[in-house]
């Protein structure tokens, strides 16, 4: 898909969301559950543990987890006022902020370790030229792939992107794609099928954390409720760390996956409230782990590739005030 094609597709998606937002849909009342978007990812499962273990109830917060199998659809529904909040990559958060007034309030994890796997005949990055790469469009994966291509003096014009989720990649190589972006447990699954690890970079993976975001109107309506949500989230993170087997059993039951597929894998760090205070406090000009520095990298990528024309105010988009 060309850059122009991707931009047109993205504009059409958001036109649908914008039309929905203008159809008279009102923000959710305080008495209704908080609808929170999530996808099949290790960090997102904290939401399910907090719900299943009764931790949200303990803090007096009524929550309705809303599952998405597509990050793109989760973006559309946030823009279309179909959910109150959600868990998004930094890349996605900046994209949707151009269409909806929202704030990123909590970094849930470091994004884990992204990998590019491919058919056995691809043994180095240079051999990916002219090949098909499976990944979710308009997602943080594009930034990761772009950084990989740069190491071999290539750009997205030298490959063909195929819309594909990480869970689909191992089963689609070499039929529908020659390579694809994955994370655990799909990295191990791909390798067990004889596919090759083409690229891995902890440094570039660190640019792709996931954050909890809420509509600004929802926060303003009842900031204490969102604060309590974050307290519950923090407790659920600690529960997962202290009782991994119990937590994984809950997650498996709620996702329909087996426990081996939902366990937190090596390289994935779940962040607590204390971690977040540090991430939001460090100076972006001195520390690359600053969430503001990471946001700048993602914002610049989106501008350079034509996904956004008006850069968001990162100091407004990222709001740590509810952590305290």
Protein backbone atom coordinates (compact mmCIF):
# COMPACT_ATOMS: atom_id res chain seq x y z
CA UNK A 1 0.00 0.00 0.00
CA UNK A 2 1.39 3.42 -0.92
CA UNK A 3 1.60 6.29 1.53
CA UNK A 4 -1.22 8.06 -0.31
CA UNK A 5 -3.37 4.95 -0.11
CA UNK A 6 -2.75 4.59 3.59
CA UNK A 7 -3.61 8.23 4.23
CA UNK A 8 -6.84 7.95 2.21
CA UNK A 9 -7.81 4.80 4.10
CA UNK A 10 -7.13 6.46 7.42
CA UNK A 11 -9.13 9.57 6.46
CA UNK A 12 -12.10 7.39 5.46
CA UNK A 13 -11.93 5.53 8.77
CA UNK A 14 -11.99 8.72 10.75
CA UNK A 15 -14.76 10.20 8.57
CA UNK A 16 -16.92 7.29 9.72
CA UNK A 17 -15.95 7.94 13.33
CA UNK A 18 -16.58 11.68 12.98
CA UNK A 19 -20.02 11.06 11.47
CA UNK A 20 -20.85 8.82 14.42
CA UNK A 21 -19.70 11.46 16.87
CA UNK A 22 -21.95 14.05 15.22
CA UNK A 23 -25.00 11.82 15.26
CA UNK A 24 -26.05 12.99 18.70
CA UNK A 25 -24.28 10.37 20.81
CA UNK A 26 -23.88 11.87 24.26
CA UNK A 27 -21.04 11.20 26.72
CA UNK A 28 -21.72 8.41 29.18
CA UNK A 29 -23.43 9.39 32.40
CA UNK A 30 -21.50 8.94 35.62
CA UNK A 31 -23.89 6.19 36.74
CA UNK A 32 -23.09 4.03 33.72
CA UNK A 33 -20.10 1.65 33.52
CA UNK A 34 -16.85 2.96 32.12
CA UNK A 35 -16.47 1.29 28.73
CA UNK A 36 -12.79 0.53 28.25
CA UNK A 37 -11.32 -0.71 24.96
CA UNK A 38 -8.69 -3.46 25.10
CA UNK A 39 -7.04 -5.95 22.77
CA UNK A 40 -5.25 -9.28 23.12
CA UNK A 41 -2.02 -8.08 24.68
CA UNK A 42 -0.27 -9.01 27.93
CA UNK A 43 -0.42 -5.54 29.45
CA UNK A 44 -4.11 -5.11 28.65
CA UNK A 45 -4.97 -8.19 30.68
CA UNK A 46 -4.57 -6.19 33.90
CA UNK A 47 -8.00 -4.76 33.05
CA UNK A 48 -9.48 -8.27 33.12
CA UNK A 49 -7.80 -9.17 36.41
CA UNK A 50 -9.10 -6.01 38.07
CA UNK A 51 -12.59 -6.89 36.86
CA UNK A 52 -12.54 -10.63 37.61
CA UNK A 53 -10.85 -10.32 41.03
CA UNK A 54 -13.35 -7.67 42.17
CA UNK A 55 -10.69 -4.98 42.51
CA UNK A 56 -12.73 -2.41 40.58
CA UNK A 57 -15.66 -3.14 42.90
CA UNK A 58 -13.38 -2.59 45.90
CA UNK A 59 -12.66 0.94 44.67
CA UNK A 60 -16.27 1.63 43.72
CA UNK A 61 -15.72 1.73 39.96
CA UNK A 62 -18.11 0.04 37.53
CA UNK A 63 -16.17 -1.04 34.43
CA UNK A 64 -17.19 -2.73 31.18
CA UNK A 65 -14.18 -4.11 29.26
CA UNK A 66 -14.78 -3.91 25.49
CA UNK A 67 -12.63 -6.30 23.49
CA UNK A 68 -11.24 -5.41 20.06
CA UNK A 69 -9.39 -7.74 17.73
CA UNK A 70 -8.28 -4.76 15.64
CA UNK A 71 -6.35 -1.77 16.97
CA UNK A 72 -7.73 0.24 14.05
CA UNK A 73 -11.34 -0.38 15.11
CA UNK A 74 -10.50 0.57 18.69
CA UNK A 75 -9.20 3.92 17.41
CA UNK A 76 -12.35 4.47 15.36
CA UNK A 77 -14.65 3.78 18.28
CA UNK A 78 -12.73 6.12 20.57
CA UNK A 79 -13.06 8.85 17.96
CA UNK A 80 -16.72 7.93 17.48
CA UNK A 81 -17.58 8.22 21.20
CA UNK A 82 -18.37 4.50 21.49
CA UNK A 83 -16.04 3.95 24.47
CA UNK A 84 -15.08 6.11 27.44
CA UNK A 85 -11.45 5.10 27.51
CA UNK A 86 -9.06 2.52 26.24
CA UNK A 87 -5.57 1.11 26.09
CA UNK A 88 -3.57 2.36 23.12
CA UNK A 89 -0.01 2.46 21.88
CA UNK A 90 1.61 5.89 21.99
CA UNK A 91 1.33 6.01 18.20
CA UNK A 92 -2.41 5.30 18.30
CA UNK A 93 -2.99 7.73 21.14
CA UNK A 94 -1.51 10.59 19.13
CA UNK A 95 -3.51 9.60 16.05
CA UNK A 96 -6.84 9.53 17.84
CA UNK A 97 -6.07 12.78 19.69
CA UNK A 98 -6.45 14.55 16.34
CA UNK A 99 -10.09 13.45 16.29
CA UNK A 100 -11.09 13.32 19.95
CA UNK A 101 -10.34 15.30 23.08
CA UNK A 102 -8.65 12.81 25.38
CA UNK A 103 -5.76 12.38 27.76
CA UNK A 104 -3.20 9.66 28.34
CA UNK A 105 -3.11 9.21 32.10
CA UNK A 106 -1.16 6.01 32.83
CA UNK A 107 1.55 4.01 31.04
CA UNK A 108 0.54 0.37 31.52
CA UNK A 109 3.68 -1.34 30.17
CA UNK A 110 6.81 -0.94 28.10
CA UNK A 111 5.23 -2.46 24.99
CA UNK A 112 7.17 -5.70 25.28
CA UNK A 113 9.63 -6.91 22.65
CA UNK A 114 8.60 -6.51 19.02
CA UNK A 115 10.12 -8.81 16.40
CA UNK A 116 10.09 -9.28 12.65
CA UNK A 117 9.91 -12.91 11.59
CA UNK A 118 9.92 -14.29 8.07
CA UNK A 119 10.13 -17.30 5.80
CA UNK A 120 13.29 -19.45 6.14
CA UNK A 121 14.86 -18.05 2.97
CA UNK A 122 15.07 -14.55 4.50
CA UNK A 123 18.15 -14.50 6.69
CA UNK A 124 18.96 -10.78 6.83
CA UNK A 125 17.12 -7.46 6.61
CA UNK A 126 18.46 -6.63 3.13
CA UNK A 127 16.60 -9.62 1.71
CA UNK A 128 13.25 -8.14 2.74
CA UNK A 129 13.38 -5.65 -0.15
CA UNK A 130 10.39 -6.19 -2.43
CA UNK A 131 8.74 -8.52 0.09
CA UNK A 132 5.34 -8.45 1.80
CA UNK A 133 5.30 -7.51 5.49
CA UNK A 134 2.27 -8.28 7.63
CA UNK A 135 1.35 -5.71 10.30
CA UNK A 136 -1.58 -3.64 11.53
CA UNK A 137 -1.90 -0.43 9.51
CA UNK A 138 -1.75 2.92 11.36
CA UNK A 139 -0.24 1.28 14.41
CA UNK A 140 2.97 1.47 16.42
CA UNK A 141 4.19 -1.45 14.31
CA UNK A 142 4.77 0.89 11.38
CA UNK A 143 7.28 2.90 13.41
CA UNK A 144 9.09 -0.30 14.40
CA UNK A 145 9.22 -1.56 10.81
CA UNK A 146 10.31 1.87 9.56
CA UNK A 147 13.24 1.88 11.99
CA UNK A 148 14.19 -1.63 10.85
CA UNK A 149 14.14 -0.61 7.18
CA UNK A 150 16.37 2.39 7.94
CA UNK A 151 19.11 0.06 9.16
CA UNK A 152 19.27 -1.37 5.62
CA UNK A 153 18.84 2.01 3.85
CA UNK A 154 15.26 1.22 2.86
CA UNK A 155 11.86 2.87 3.34
CA UNK A 156 8.27 1.62 3.23
CA UNK A 157 8.41 2.16 -0.56
CA UNK A 158 10.78 -0.80 -0.82
CA UNK A 159 8.27 -3.27 0.65
CA UNK A 160 4.54 -4.00 0.56
CA UNK A 161 2.53 -3.74 3.76
CA UNK A 162 -0.23 -6.32 4.29
CA UNK A 163 -2.92 -5.71 6.93
CA UNK A 164 -2.39 -8.48 9.48
CA UNK A 165 -2.44 -8.81 13.27
CA UNK A 166 0.54 -10.36 15.11
CA UNK A 167 -1.61 -13.38 15.98
CA UNK A 168 -2.18 -14.05 12.26
CA UNK A 169 1.42 -13.66 11.11
CA UNK A 170 2.81 -17.15 11.94
CA UNK A 171 -0.01 -18.83 10.00
CA UNK A 172 0.18 -16.50 6.99
CA UNK A 173 3.88 -16.95 6.14
CA UNK A 174 4.73 -17.70 3.35
CA UNK A 175 1.24 -17.72 1.84
CA UNK A 176 -0.06 -14.18 2.31
CA UNK A 177 3.14 -12.54 3.59
CA UNK A 178 6.87 -13.10 3.44
CA UNK A 179 7.51 -11.58 6.86
CA UNK A 180 5.56 -9.97 9.66
CA UNK A 181 5.61 -8.13 12.95
CA UNK A 182 4.98 -10.21 16.08
CA UNK A 183 5.35 -10.21 19.83
CA UNK A 184 5.12 -13.02 22.34
CA UNK A 185 3.66 -15.59 22.35
CA UNK A 186 3.52 -15.29 18.54
CA UNK A 187 7.30 -14.87 18.19
CA UNK A 188 7.87 -18.28 19.75
CA UNK A 189 5.04 -19.76 17.70
CA UNK A 190 6.60 -18.47 14.46
CA UNK A 191 10.03 -19.85 15.38
CA UNK A 192 8.51 -23.22 16.28
CA UNK A 193 7.11 -23.37 12.74
CA UNK A 194 10.56 -22.93 11.23
CA UNK A 195 10.31 -19.22 10.50
CA UNK A 196 13.37 -17.02 11.01
CA UNK A 197 13.93 -14.12 13.36
CA UNK A 198 14.90 -11.27 11.05
CA UNK A 199 15.00 -8.29 13.38
CA UNK A 200 14.70 -7.48 17.06
CA UNK A 201 15.58 -4.25 18.83
CA UNK A 202 14.88 -3.52 22.51
CA UNK A 203 15.75 0.14 21.85
CA UNK A 204 13.09 0.51 19.16
CA UNK A 205 10.59 -1.59 21.11
CA UNK A 206 10.97 0.86 24.00
CA UNK A 207 9.43 3.56 21.78
CA UNK A 208 6.13 1.66 21.72
CA UNK A 209 4.62 1.63 25.23
CA UNK A 210 0.88 1.31 25.82
CA UNK A 211 -1.15 3.83 27.76
CA UNK A 212 -4.54 4.17 29.39
CA UNK A 213 -6.45 7.08 27.91
CA UNK A 214 -9.82 8.62 28.76
CA UNK A 215 -11.99 11.23 27.14
CA UNK A 216 -11.38 14.60 28.73
CA UNK A 217 -15.15 14.96 29.24
CA UNK A 218 -15.24 11.69 31.19
CA UNK A 219 -12.36 12.83 33.40
CA UNK A 220 -13.92 16.25 34.02
CA UNK A 221 -17.28 14.69 34.81
CA UNK A 222 -15.86 12.74 37.75
CA UNK A 223 -12.08 12.90 38.21
CA UNK A 224 -12.31 10.91 41.45
CA UNK A 225 -13.80 7.97 39.57
CA UNK A 226 -10.84 7.91 37.17
CA UNK A 227 -8.42 8.28 40.08
CA UNK A 228 -10.07 5.28 41.74
CA UNK A 229 -9.82 3.37 38.45
CA UNK A 230 -6.06 3.96 38.45
CA UNK A 231 -5.76 2.88 42.08
CA UNK A 232 -7.56 -0.34 41.18
CA UNK A 233 -5.33 -0.81 38.14
CA UNK A 234 -2.21 -0.41 40.27
CA UNK A 235 -3.49 -3.01 42.74
CA UNK A 236 -4.28 -5.40 39.87
CA UNK A 237 -0.70 -5.03 38.56
CA UNK A 238 0.61 -5.95 42.00
CA UNK A 239 -1.80 -8.90 42.15
CA UNK A 240 -0.54 -10.20 38.81
CA UNK A 241 3.03 -9.96 40.06
CA UNK A 242 2.32 -11.63 43.40
CA UNK A 243 -0.11 -14.30 42.14
CA UNK A 244 0.78 -14.98 38.49
CA UNK A 245 -0.86 -18.41 38.30
CA UNK A 246 -4.18 -17.20 39.70
CA UNK A 247 -4.10 -14.11 37.51
CA UNK A 248 -3.29 -16.10 34.37
CA UNK A 249 -6.16 -18.48 35.10
CA UNK A 250 -8.55 -15.53 35.29
CA UNK A 251 -7.20 -14.07 32.06
CA UNK A 252 -7.40 -17.39 30.24
CA UNK A 253 -11.02 -17.83 31.27
CA UNK A 254 -11.98 -14.32 30.12
CA UNK A 255 -10.09 -14.47 26.81
CA UNK A 256 -10.64 -18.09 25.84
CA UNK A 257 -6.88 -18.58 25.54
CA UNK A 258 -4.74 -21.10 27.39
CA UNK A 259 -2.65 -19.93 30.32
CA UNK A 260 0.59 -20.33 28.38
CA UNK A 261 -0.64 -17.73 25.88
CA UNK A 262 -1.51 -15.05 28.43
CA UNK A 263 1.44 -15.19 30.83
CA UNK A 264 3.64 -12.12 30.99
CA UNK A 265 6.72 -12.98 28.95
CA UNK A 266 10.34 -11.98 29.38
CA UNK A 267 10.90 -8.46 28.11
CA UNK A 268 7.45 -7.19 29.06
CA UNK A 269 7.32 -4.90 32.09
CA UNK A 270 4.01 -4.01 33.74
CA UNK A 271 4.16 -0.52 35.24
CA UNK A 272 2.88 0.51 38.65
CA UNK A 273 1.76 3.91 39.88
CA UNK A 274 5.27 4.54 41.21
CA UNK A 275 6.80 3.69 37.83
CA UNK A 276 4.43 6.14 36.17
CA UNK A 277 5.37 8.99 38.45
CA UNK A 278 8.97 8.42 37.35
CA UNK A 279 8.10 8.14 33.64
CA UNK A 280 6.14 11.38 33.72
CA UNK A 281 8.70 13.29 35.77
CA UNK A 282 12.03 12.79 34.01
CA UNK A 283 13.41 15.48 31.73
CA UNK A 284 12.79 14.53 28.07
CA UNK A 285 15.94 16.28 26.89
CA UNK A 286 18.12 14.20 29.22
CA UNK A 287 16.42 10.84 29.57
CA UNK A 288 15.16 8.76 26.60
CA UNK A 289 12.88 6.84 28.98
CA UNK A 290 10.78 9.96 29.53
CA UNK A 291 7.24 9.42 28.27
CA UNK A 292 7.41 12.90 26.73
CA UNK A 293 10.52 12.00 24.73
CA UNK A 294 8.85 8.80 23.52
CA UNK A 295 5.77 10.81 22.55
CA UNK A 296 7.94 13.25 20.56
CA UNK A 297 9.49 10.41 18.55
CA UNK A 298 6.07 8.97 17.71
CA UNK A 299 4.62 12.38 16.89
CA UNK A 300 7.49 13.21 14.54
CA UNK A 301 7.07 9.87 12.75
CA UNK A 302 3.36 10.51 12.19
CA UNK A 303 4.02 14.01 10.87
CA UNK A 304 6.82 12.87 8.55
CA UNK A 305 4.63 10.14 7.07
CA UNK A 306 1.64 12.41 6.57
CA UNK A 307 -0.70 10.83 9.12
CA UNK A 308 -1.21 14.08 11.01
CA UNK A 309 -0.73 17.69 9.98
CA UNK A 310 -1.45 19.42 13.29
CA UNK A 311 0.88 18.17 16.03
CA UNK A 312 -0.80 17.74 19.42
CA UNK A 313 0.30 19.58 22.53
CA UNK A 314 2.01 16.70 24.34
CA UNK A 315 1.91 18.48 27.69
CA UNK A 316 -1.88 18.58 27.38
CA UNK A 317 -2.28 15.11 25.88
CA UNK A 318 -0.24 13.44 28.64
CA UNK A 319 -1.72 14.14 32.04
CA UNK A 320 -0.18 12.59 35.20
CA UNK A 321 -2.33 14.61 37.61
CA UNK A 322 -4.59 11.67 38.47
CA UNK A 323 -1.67 9.54 39.60
CA UNK A 324 -1.30 11.49 42.84
